[in-house]
Amino acid sequence: MKKTLIVVLIAFLAMSGSAMAQKTVKLGHISSADLMQIMPGKDSVQTVLQNEVAELENNLKALEAELQQRYNEYQEKQAGWSDLIKQTKQRELQDMQARAQEFQAGAQEQLQKRQQELLQPIIDKAKKAIEDVAKEGGYTYVFDSSNGTLLYQQDSDDLLPLVKKKLGLK
């Protein structure tokens, strides 16, 4: 999608002819990945997420241990059970396994939402700083060089040092 946007942008710039001849286009680039690595608050977000991952993993391990215990019990005692009891115990094991799988899927989804929730203020702050630097510097377009959509950058300026300065980072 971003590659398509760049192609459309380049086509637009090429077609605009005389209108663009009157206006100077100033290009810049920044690595948002590098910026995110040094943003304040990122480490505390990582700590919070690691703690939540550990808690969810402990709950999943407890579910799996209970499932294993019941399976072992089933294996030991099934010879003495009637077919009805065996079928009931098999369904119980299948239900427990399904619950464990649902828990795991739900935990992954919850962690993704939580990560987005915790990172969004940091992302918004970085985006605002990039926009401010771009406006102050008179940049027409700023490309993100960290995701591989920038193919050529000879005439663009790296805004990371300016954004770091704007945010008071080293």
N, C-alpha and C. Protein backbone atom coordinates (compact mmCIF):
# COMPACT_ATOMS: atom_id res chain seq x y z
N MET A 1 0.81 -1.18 0.00
CA MET A 1 0.00 0.00 0.00
C MET A 1 0.86 1.25 0.00
N LYS A 2 1.92 1.26 0.81
CA LYS A 2 2.79 2.42 0.86
C LYS A 2 3.56 2.57 -0.45
N LYS A 3 3.93 1.43 -1.06
CA LYS A 3 4.61 1.50 -2.35
C LYS A 3 3.69 2.10 -3.40
N THR A 4 2.42 1.72 -3.35
CA THR A 4 1.44 2.26 -4.28
C THR A 4 1.29 3.76 -4.06
N LEU A 5 1.27 4.18 -2.81
CA LEU A 5 1.16 5.60 -2.49
C LEU A 5 2.35 6.37 -3.05
N ILE A 6 3.54 5.83 -2.95
CA ILE A 6 4.72 6.50 -3.48
C ILE A 6 4.65 6.58 -4.99
N VAL A 7 4.23 5.50 -5.66
CA VAL A 7 4.11 5.51 -7.12
C VAL A 7 3.10 6.56 -7.55
N VAL A 8 1.96 6.64 -6.85
CA VAL A 8 0.94 7.64 -7.17
C VAL A 8 1.51 9.03 -6.94
N LEU A 9 2.24 9.21 -5.87
CA LEU A 9 2.84 10.50 -5.55
C LEU A 9 3.82 10.91 -6.64
N ILE A 10 4.66 10.00 -7.07
CA ILE A 10 5.63 10.31 -8.12
C ILE A 10 4.91 10.65 -9.42
N ALA A 11 3.87 9.89 -9.74
CA ALA A 11 3.10 10.17 -10.96
C ALA A 11 2.44 11.55 -10.85
N PHE A 12 1.91 11.86 -9.70
CA PHE A 12 1.29 13.17 -9.49
C PHE A 12 2.31 14.28 -9.68
N LEU A 13 3.50 14.10 -9.11
CA LEU A 13 4.54 15.12 -9.26
C LEU A 13 4.96 15.29 -10.71
N ALA A 14 5.04 14.19 -11.45
CA ALA A 14 5.44 14.26 -12.84
C ALA A 14 4.38 14.93 -13.71
N MET A 15 3.11 14.72 -13.39
CA MET A 15 2.02 15.25 -14.20
C MET A 15 1.70 16.71 -13.90
N SER A 16 2.05 17.16 -12.74
CA SER A 16 1.61 18.49 -12.35
C SER A 16 2.36 19.61 -13.06
N GLY A 17 3.40 19.30 -13.78
CA GLY A 17 4.09 20.22 -14.68
C GLY A 17 4.31 21.62 -14.19
N SER A 18 3.63 22.55 -14.79
CA SER A 18 3.90 23.96 -14.54
C SER A 18 3.52 24.37 -13.12
N ALA A 19 2.51 23.78 -12.55
CA ALA A 19 2.13 24.13 -11.18
C ALA A 19 3.26 23.78 -10.23
N MET A 20 3.91 22.65 -10.44
CA MET A 20 5.00 22.24 -9.57
C MET A 20 6.28 22.99 -9.89
N ALA A 21 6.41 23.50 -11.13
CA ALA A 21 7.60 24.25 -11.49
C ALA A 21 7.70 25.52 -10.66
N GLN A 22 6.57 26.05 -10.24
CA GLN A 22 6.55 27.27 -9.46
C GLN A 22 6.80 27.00 -7.98
N LYS A 23 6.55 25.80 -7.55
CA LYS A 23 6.68 25.46 -6.14
C LYS A 23 7.85 24.50 -5.95
N THR A 24 8.72 24.79 -5.02
CA THR A 24 9.86 23.93 -4.73
C THR A 24 9.40 22.78 -3.85
N VAL A 25 9.78 21.59 -4.26
CA VAL A 25 9.45 20.40 -3.48
C VAL A 25 10.67 20.05 -2.65
N LYS A 26 10.48 19.93 -1.37
CA LYS A 26 11.56 19.57 -0.46
C LYS A 26 11.23 18.23 0.16
N LEU A 27 12.09 17.26 -0.05
CA LEU A 27 11.88 15.91 0.44
C LEU A 27 12.75 15.64 1.66
N GLY A 28 12.22 14.84 2.56
CA GLY A 28 12.97 14.41 3.73
C GLY A 28 12.66 12.97 4.05
N HIS A 29 13.48 12.36 4.85
CA HIS A 29 13.22 10.98 5.25
C HIS A 29 13.60 10.81 6.72
N ILE A 30 13.00 9.82 7.33
CA ILE A 30 13.29 9.48 8.72
C ILE A 30 13.04 7.99 8.90
N SER A 31 13.81 7.39 9.75
CA SER A 31 13.59 5.99 10.11
C SER A 31 12.72 5.97 11.37
N SER A 32 11.46 5.67 11.20
CA SER A 32 10.56 5.64 12.36
C SER A 32 10.96 4.52 13.32
N ALA A 33 11.54 3.45 12.80
CA ALA A 33 11.99 2.35 13.66
C ALA A 33 13.11 2.83 14.59
N ASP A 34 14.06 3.58 14.03
CA ASP A 34 15.15 4.10 14.86
C ASP A 34 14.60 5.09 15.89
N LEU A 35 13.66 5.92 15.48
CA LEU A 35 13.07 6.88 16.39
C LEU A 35 12.34 6.17 17.54
N MET A 36 11.58 5.14 17.22
CA MET A 36 10.82 4.41 18.25
C MET A 36 11.76 3.73 19.25
N GLN A 37 12.94 3.34 18.80
CA GLN A 37 13.89 2.69 19.71
C GLN A 37 14.38 3.63 20.80
N ILE A 38 14.38 4.94 20.52
CA ILE A 38 14.92 5.89 21.49
C ILE A 38 13.84 6.73 22.16
N MET A 39 12.59 6.47 21.84
CA MET A 39 11.51 7.27 22.43
C MET A 39 11.39 6.98 23.92
N PRO A 40 11.23 8.05 24.72
CA PRO A 40 11.04 7.84 26.16
C PRO A 40 9.71 7.12 26.41
N GLY A 41 9.72 6.24 27.38
CA GLY A 41 8.51 5.50 27.73
C GLY A 41 8.42 4.15 27.07
N LYS A 42 9.20 3.91 26.02
CA LYS A 42 9.15 2.63 25.31
C LYS A 42 9.60 1.48 26.21
N ASP A 43 10.63 1.74 27.02
CA ASP A 43 11.13 0.69 27.91
C ASP A 43 10.10 0.30 28.97
N SER A 44 9.39 1.28 29.49
CA SER A 44 8.37 0.96 30.50
C SER A 44 7.21 0.20 29.87
N VAL A 45 6.89 0.50 28.62
CA VAL A 45 5.85 -0.24 27.91
C VAL A 45 6.29 -1.69 27.74
N GLN A 46 7.56 -1.89 27.38
CA GLN A 46 8.08 -3.25 27.21
C GLN A 46 8.02 -4.02 28.53
N THR A 47 8.34 -3.36 29.63
CA THR A 47 8.30 -4.01 30.95
C THR A 47 6.88 -4.43 31.31
N VAL A 48 5.93 -3.52 31.09
CA VAL A 48 4.52 -3.83 31.38
C VAL A 48 4.07 -5.01 30.53
N LEU A 49 4.41 -4.99 29.25
CA LEU A 49 4.00 -6.09 28.36
C LEU A 49 4.65 -7.42 28.76
N GLN A 50 5.91 -7.38 29.14
CA GLN A 50 6.59 -8.60 29.56
C GLN A 50 5.94 -9.19 30.80
N ASN A 51 5.53 -8.33 31.74
CA ASN A 51 4.85 -8.80 32.94
C ASN A 51 3.51 -9.43 32.60
N GLU A 52 2.78 -8.81 31.69
CA GLU A 52 1.48 -9.35 31.29
C GLU A 52 1.64 -10.66 30.53
N VAL A 53 2.68 -10.77 29.71
CA VAL A 53 2.95 -12.01 29.00
C VAL A 53 3.26 -13.12 30.00
N ALA A 54 4.08 -12.82 31.00
CA ALA A 54 4.44 -13.82 32.01
C ALA A 54 3.20 -14.30 32.76
N GLU A 55 2.30 -13.39 33.12
CA GLU A 55 1.08 -13.77 33.82
C GLU A 55 0.20 -14.68 32.95
N LEU A 56 0.04 -14.31 31.70
CA LEU A 56 -0.78 -15.13 30.80
C LEU A 56 -0.13 -16.49 30.55
N GLU A 57 1.18 -16.52 30.43
CA GLU A 57 1.88 -17.80 30.23
C GLU A 57 1.70 -18.70 31.45
N ASN A 58 1.75 -18.13 32.63
CA ASN A 58 1.54 -18.93 33.85
C ASN A 58 0.14 -19.53 33.88
N ASN A 59 -0.85 -18.74 33.50
CA ASN A 59 -2.23 -19.25 33.45
C ASN A 59 -2.36 -20.36 32.42
N LEU A 60 -1.73 -20.19 31.26
CA LEU A 60 -1.79 -21.22 30.22
C LEU A 60 -1.09 -22.49 30.69
N LYS A 61 0.05 -22.34 31.34
CA LYS A 61 0.77 -23.51 31.85
C LYS A 61 -0.08 -24.26 32.88
N ALA A 62 -0.80 -23.53 33.71
CA ALA A 62 -1.67 -24.16 34.70
C ALA A 62 -2.79 -24.94 34.01
N LEU A 63 -3.37 -24.35 32.98
CA LEU A 63 -4.41 -25.06 32.22
C LEU A 63 -3.85 -26.32 31.57
N GLU A 64 -2.68 -26.21 30.98
CA GLU A 64 -2.05 -27.36 30.32
C GLU A 64 -1.67 -28.44 31.33
N ALA A 65 -1.22 -28.04 32.50
CA ALA A 65 -0.87 -29.02 33.55
C ALA A 65 -2.11 -29.77 34.01
N GLU A 66 -3.21 -29.04 34.20
CA GLU A 66 -4.46 -29.69 34.61
C GLU A 66 -4.94 -30.65 33.52
N LEU A 67 -4.83 -30.22 32.27
CA LEU A 67 -5.22 -31.08 31.16
C LEU A 67 -4.36 -32.35 31.13
N GLN A 68 -3.06 -32.20 31.32
CA GLN A 68 -2.16 -33.35 31.31
C GLN A 68 -2.48 -34.29 32.48
N GLN A 69 -2.77 -33.71 33.64
CA GLN A 69 -3.11 -34.52 34.81
C GLN A 69 -4.37 -35.34 34.53
N ARG A 70 -5.39 -34.71 33.98
CA ARG A 70 -6.64 -35.43 33.70
C ARG A 70 -6.45 -36.47 32.60
N TYR A 71 -5.59 -36.18 31.63
CA TYR A 71 -5.32 -37.16 30.58
C TYR A 71 -4.61 -38.38 31.17
N ASN A 72 -3.64 -38.13 32.03
CA ASN A 72 -2.93 -39.24 32.67
C ASN A 72 -3.90 -40.08 33.50
N GLU A 73 -4.80 -39.43 34.22
CA GLU A 73 -5.81 -40.13 35.02
C GLU A 73 -6.70 -40.96 34.09
N TYR A 74 -7.09 -40.39 32.97
CA TYR A 74 -7.92 -41.11 32.01
C TYR A 74 -7.19 -42.36 31.51
N GLN A 75 -5.91 -42.22 31.18
CA GLN A 75 -5.12 -43.35 30.68
C GLN A 75 -5.03 -44.47 31.72
N GLU A 76 -4.87 -44.09 32.98
CA GLU A 76 -4.73 -45.08 34.05
C GLU A 76 -6.03 -45.83 34.34
N LYS A 77 -7.15 -45.11 34.28
CA LYS A 77 -8.40 -45.68 34.76
C LYS A 77 -9.37 -46.12 33.68
N GLN A 78 -9.07 -45.86 32.42
CA GLN A 78 -10.04 -46.12 31.36
C GLN A 78 -10.40 -47.61 31.23
N ALA A 79 -9.48 -48.47 31.57
CA ALA A 79 -9.74 -49.91 31.43
C ALA A 79 -10.91 -50.36 32.30
N GLY A 80 -11.10 -49.73 33.44
CA GLY A 80 -12.17 -50.13 34.36
C GLY A 80 -13.47 -49.36 34.15
N TRP A 81 -13.53 -48.45 33.20
CA TRP A 81 -14.71 -47.63 32.99
C TRP A 81 -15.62 -48.21 31.91
N SER A 82 -16.88 -47.92 32.05
CA SER A 82 -17.82 -48.31 31.00
C SER A 82 -17.64 -47.37 29.81
N ASP A 83 -18.22 -47.75 28.67
CA ASP A 83 -18.10 -46.93 27.46
C ASP A 83 -18.69 -45.53 27.66
N LEU A 84 -19.78 -45.44 28.41
CA LEU A 84 -20.41 -44.15 28.66
C LEU A 84 -19.48 -43.22 29.44
N ILE A 85 -18.84 -43.75 30.46
CA ILE A 85 -17.91 -42.94 31.26
C ILE A 85 -16.69 -42.55 30.42
N LYS A 86 -16.18 -43.48 29.60
CA LYS A 86 -15.05 -43.17 28.73
C LYS A 86 -15.40 -42.02 27.78
N GLN A 87 -16.57 -42.10 27.16
CA GLN A 87 -16.99 -41.04 26.23
C GLN A 87 -17.13 -39.70 26.94
N THR A 88 -17.68 -39.74 28.15
CA THR A 88 -17.84 -38.50 28.93
C THR A 88 -16.48 -37.91 29.27
N LYS A 89 -15.55 -38.74 29.70
CA LYS A 89 -14.21 -38.26 30.04
C LYS A 89 -13.47 -37.75 28.81
N GLN A 90 -13.66 -38.41 27.67
CA GLN A 90 -13.03 -37.95 26.42
C GLN A 90 -13.54 -36.57 26.03
N ARG A 91 -14.86 -36.38 26.16
CA ARG A 91 -15.44 -35.05 25.85
C ARG A 91 -14.91 -33.99 26.81
N GLU A 92 -14.77 -34.36 28.08
CA GLU A 92 -14.22 -33.41 29.06
C GLU A 92 -12.80 -33.01 28.67
N LEU A 93 -12.00 -33.99 28.26
CA LEU A 93 -10.63 -33.69 27.83
C LEU A 93 -10.62 -32.81 26.58
N GLN A 94 -11.48 -33.12 25.63
CA GLN A 94 -11.56 -32.31 24.42
C GLN A 94 -12.00 -30.88 24.73
N ASP A 95 -12.97 -30.75 25.64
CA ASP A 95 -13.43 -29.41 26.04
C ASP A 95 -12.32 -28.63 26.73
N MET A 96 -11.56 -29.31 27.59
CA MET A 96 -10.45 -28.63 28.26
C MET A 96 -9.39 -28.19 27.26
N GLN A 97 -9.11 -29.05 26.30
CA GLN A 97 -8.11 -28.70 25.29
C GLN A 97 -8.61 -27.51 24.45
N ALA A 98 -9.88 -27.50 24.10
CA ALA A 98 -10.45 -26.39 23.35
C ALA A 98 -10.38 -25.09 24.16
N ARG A 99 -10.66 -25.17 25.46
CA ARG A 99 -10.58 -23.98 26.32
C ARG A 99 -9.15 -23.45 26.39
N ALA A 100 -8.19 -24.36 26.46
CA ALA A 100 -6.78 -23.94 26.50
C ALA A 100 -6.39 -23.25 25.20
N GLN A 101 -6.86 -23.78 24.08
CA GLN A 101 -6.57 -23.17 22.78
C GLN A 101 -7.26 -21.81 22.66
N GLU A 102 -8.48 -21.71 23.13
CA GLU A 102 -9.21 -20.43 23.11
C GLU A 102 -8.51 -19.41 24.00
N PHE A 103 -8.04 -19.87 25.15
CA PHE A 103 -7.32 -18.97 26.06
C PHE A 103 -6.06 -18.43 25.39
N GLN A 104 -5.34 -19.32 24.73
CA GLN A 104 -4.10 -18.91 24.07
C GLN A 104 -4.39 -17.89 22.96
N ALA A 105 -5.39 -18.14 22.15
CA ALA A 105 -5.74 -17.21 21.07
C ALA A 105 -6.23 -15.88 21.65
N GLY A 106 -7.04 -15.95 22.69
CA GLY A 106 -7.53 -14.73 23.33
C GLY A 106 -6.40 -13.93 23.97
N ALA A 107 -5.45 -14.64 24.54
CA ALA A 107 -4.30 -13.97 25.17
C ALA A 107 -3.47 -13.24 24.13
N GLN A 108 -3.25 -13.86 22.99
CA GLN A 108 -2.48 -13.21 21.93
C GLN A 108 -3.20 -11.95 21.45
N GLU A 109 -4.49 -12.06 21.26
CA GLU A 109 -5.27 -10.90 20.82
C GLU A 109 -5.24 -9.80 21.87
N GLN A 110 -5.39 -10.18 23.13
CA GLN A 110 -5.36 -9.21 24.23
C GLN A 110 -4.02 -8.50 24.29
N LEU A 111 -2.93 -9.24 24.11
CA LEU A 111 -1.60 -8.64 24.15
C LEU A 111 -1.39 -7.66 23.00
N GLN A 112 -1.89 -8.00 21.82
CA GLN A 112 -1.77 -7.10 20.68
C GLN A 112 -2.53 -5.80 20.93
N LYS A 113 -3.73 -5.90 21.46
CA LYS A 113 -4.52 -4.71 21.78
C LYS A 113 -3.83 -3.89 22.86
N ARG A 114 -3.31 -4.56 23.86
CA ARG A 114 -2.66 -3.87 24.97
C ARG A 114 -1.39 -3.16 24.48
N GLN A 115 -0.64 -3.81 23.61
CA GLN A 115 0.57 -3.20 23.06
C GLN A 115 0.21 -1.93 22.28
N GLN A 116 -0.82 -2.02 21.45
CA GLN A 116 -1.25 -0.86 20.68
C GLN A 116 -1.71 0.26 21.62
N GLU A 117 -2.45 -0.10 22.65
CA GLU A 117 -2.95 0.88 23.62
C GLU A 117 -1.80 1.59 24.33
N LEU A 118 -0.80 0.83 24.73
CA LEU A 118 0.33 1.41 25.46
C LEU A 118 1.27 2.21 24.56
N LEU A 119 1.43 1.76 23.31
CA LEU A 119 2.35 2.44 22.41
C LEU A 119 1.74 3.66 21.72
N GLN A 120 0.42 3.72 21.63
CA GLN A 120 -0.21 4.79 20.87
C GLN A 120 0.19 6.19 21.32
N PRO A 121 0.24 6.49 22.63
CA PRO A 121 0.69 7.84 23.03
C PRO A 121 2.12 8.14 22.58
N ILE A 122 2.99 7.14 22.60
CA ILE A 122 4.37 7.33 22.17
C ILE A 122 4.41 7.56 20.66
N ILE A 123 3.63 6.78 19.92
CA ILE A 123 3.56 6.95 18.47
C ILE A 123 3.01 8.33 18.12
N ASP A 124 1.98 8.74 18.82
CA ASP A 124 1.38 10.06 18.56
C ASP A 124 2.38 11.18 18.83
N LYS A 125 3.16 11.05 19.90
CA LYS A 125 4.17 12.06 20.23
C LYS A 125 5.25 12.13 19.15
N ALA A 126 5.70 10.98 18.69
CA ALA A 126 6.71 10.93 17.63
C ALA A 126 6.15 11.52 16.34
N LYS A 127 4.92 11.16 16.00
CA LYS A 127 4.30 11.67 14.78
C LYS A 127 4.17 13.19 14.83
N LYS A 128 3.76 13.70 15.98
CA LYS A 128 3.61 15.16 16.14
C LYS A 128 4.96 15.84 15.97
N ALA A 129 6.01 15.28 16.54
CA ALA A 129 7.34 15.87 16.42
C ALA A 129 7.81 15.86 14.96
N ILE A 130 7.55 14.77 14.25
CA ILE A 130 7.91 14.69 12.83
C ILE A 130 7.16 15.75 12.04
N GLU A 131 5.87 15.88 12.30
CA GLU A 131 5.07 16.89 11.60
C GLU A 131 5.58 18.29 11.91
N ASP A 132 5.90 18.56 13.16
CA ASP A 132 6.40 19.89 13.54
C ASP A 132 7.71 20.20 12.84
N VAL A 133 8.64 19.23 12.84
CA VAL A 133 9.93 19.44 12.18
C VAL A 133 9.74 19.64 10.68
N ALA A 134 8.85 18.86 10.09
CA ALA A 134 8.60 18.99 8.65
C ALA A 134 8.03 20.37 8.31
N LYS A 135 7.10 20.84 9.11
CA LYS A 135 6.52 22.18 8.88
C LYS A 135 7.56 23.27 9.09
N GLU A 136 8.32 23.17 10.17
CA GLU A 136 9.35 24.17 10.46
C GLU A 136 10.43 24.19 9.38
N GLY A 137 10.75 23.03 8.82
CA GLY A 137 11.79 22.94 7.79
C GLY A 137 11.28 23.16 6.38
N GLY A 138 9.98 23.34 6.22
CA GLY A 138 9.41 23.56 4.89
C GLY A 138 9.42 22.34 4.00
N TYR A 139 9.34 21.16 4.58
CA TYR A 139 9.34 19.93 3.80
C TYR A 139 7.97 19.68 3.19
N THR A 140 7.99 19.29 1.91
CA THR A 140 6.75 18.97 1.23
C THR A 140 6.34 17.53 1.56
N TYR A 141 7.31 16.63 1.55
CA TYR A 141 7.06 15.21 1.82
C TYR A 141 8.17 14.66 2.70
N VAL A 142 7.79 13.77 3.60
CA VAL A 142 8.75 13.06 4.44
C VAL A 142 8.45 11.58 4.31
N PHE A 143 9.45 10.83 3.95
CA PHE A 143 9.28 9.39 3.75
C PHE A 143 9.85 8.62 4.93
N ASP A 144 9.25 7.47 5.21
CA ASP A 144 9.74 6.59 6.26
C ASP A 144 10.71 5.60 5.64
N SER A 145 11.99 5.74 5.96
CA SER A 145 13.00 4.89 5.35
C SER A 145 13.14 3.54 6.05
N SER A 146 12.43 3.32 7.15
CA SER A 146 12.60 2.06 7.89
C SER A 146 11.78 0.91 7.33
N ASN A 147 10.80 1.21 6.48
CA ASN A 147 9.96 0.10 6.00
C ASN A 147 10.23 -0.28 4.56
N GLY A 148 11.31 0.23 3.99
CA GLY A 148 11.73 -0.22 2.67
C GLY A 148 10.99 0.42 1.51
N THR A 149 10.20 1.45 1.73
CA THR A 149 9.47 2.06 0.62
C THR A 149 10.27 3.17 -0.05
N LEU A 150 11.38 3.54 0.49
CA LEU A 150 12.21 4.59 -0.08
C LEU A 150 13.27 3.94 -0.95
N LEU A 151 13.23 4.23 -2.23
CA LEU A 151 14.16 3.60 -3.15
C LEU A 151 15.36 4.48 -3.47
N TYR A 152 15.20 5.76 -3.39
CA TYR A 152 16.26 6.69 -3.72
C TYR A 152 16.12 7.92 -2.85
N GLN A 153 17.21 8.39 -2.26
CA GLN A 153 17.09 9.49 -1.33
C GLN A 153 18.21 10.51 -1.45
N GLN A 154 18.82 10.63 -2.59
CA GLN A 154 19.95 11.54 -2.73
C GLN A 154 19.59 12.97 -2.32
N ASP A 155 18.43 13.44 -2.71
CA ASP A 155 18.06 14.81 -2.44
C ASP A 155 17.13 14.97 -1.23
N SER A 156 17.16 14.04 -0.33
CA SER A 156 16.31 14.17 0.85
C SER A 156 17.19 14.30 2.09
N ASP A 157 16.63 14.89 3.10
CA ASP A 157 17.35 15.10 4.35
C ASP A 157 16.82 14.13 5.40
N ASP A 158 17.72 13.63 6.23
CA ASP A 158 17.33 12.75 7.34
C ASP A 158 16.85 13.63 8.48
N LEU A 159 15.61 13.48 8.86
CA LEU A 159 15.01 14.31 9.89
C LEU A 159 15.18 13.75 11.30
N LEU A 160 15.73 12.55 11.43
CA LEU A 160 15.87 11.95 12.76
C LEU A 160 16.63 12.86 13.73
N PRO A 161 17.77 13.45 13.35
CA PRO A 161 18.45 14.33 14.31
C PRO A 161 17.60 15.53 14.73
N LEU A 162 16.84 16.09 13.80
CA LEU A 162 15.99 17.23 14.14
C LEU A 162 14.83 16.83 15.04
N VAL A 163 14.24 15.65 14.78
CA VAL A 163 13.14 15.17 15.61
C VAL A 163 13.65 14.82 17.01
N LYS A 164 14.84 14.20 17.07
CA LYS A 164 15.42 13.90 18.37
C LYS A 164 15.65 15.19 19.17
N LYS A 165 16.14 16.23 18.49
CA LYS A 165 16.35 17.51 19.15
C LYS A 165 15.03 18.10 19.62
N LYS A 166 13.99 17.99 18.78
CA LYS A 166 12.67 18.51 19.12
C LYS A 166 12.13 17.84 20.38
N LEU A 167 12.40 16.53 20.49
CA LEU A 167 11.91 15.75 21.64
C LEU A 167 12.87 15.82 22.83
N GLY A 168 14.02 16.44 22.64
CA GLY A 168 14.99 16.53 23.72
C GLY A 168 15.71 15.21 23.98
N LEU A 169 15.90 14.42 22.92
CA LEU A 169 16.55 13.11 23.06
C LEU A 169 17.99 13.18 22.54
N LYS A 170 18.80 12.23 22.99
CA LYS A 170 20.18 12.16 22.50
C LYS A 170 20.38 10.95 21.65
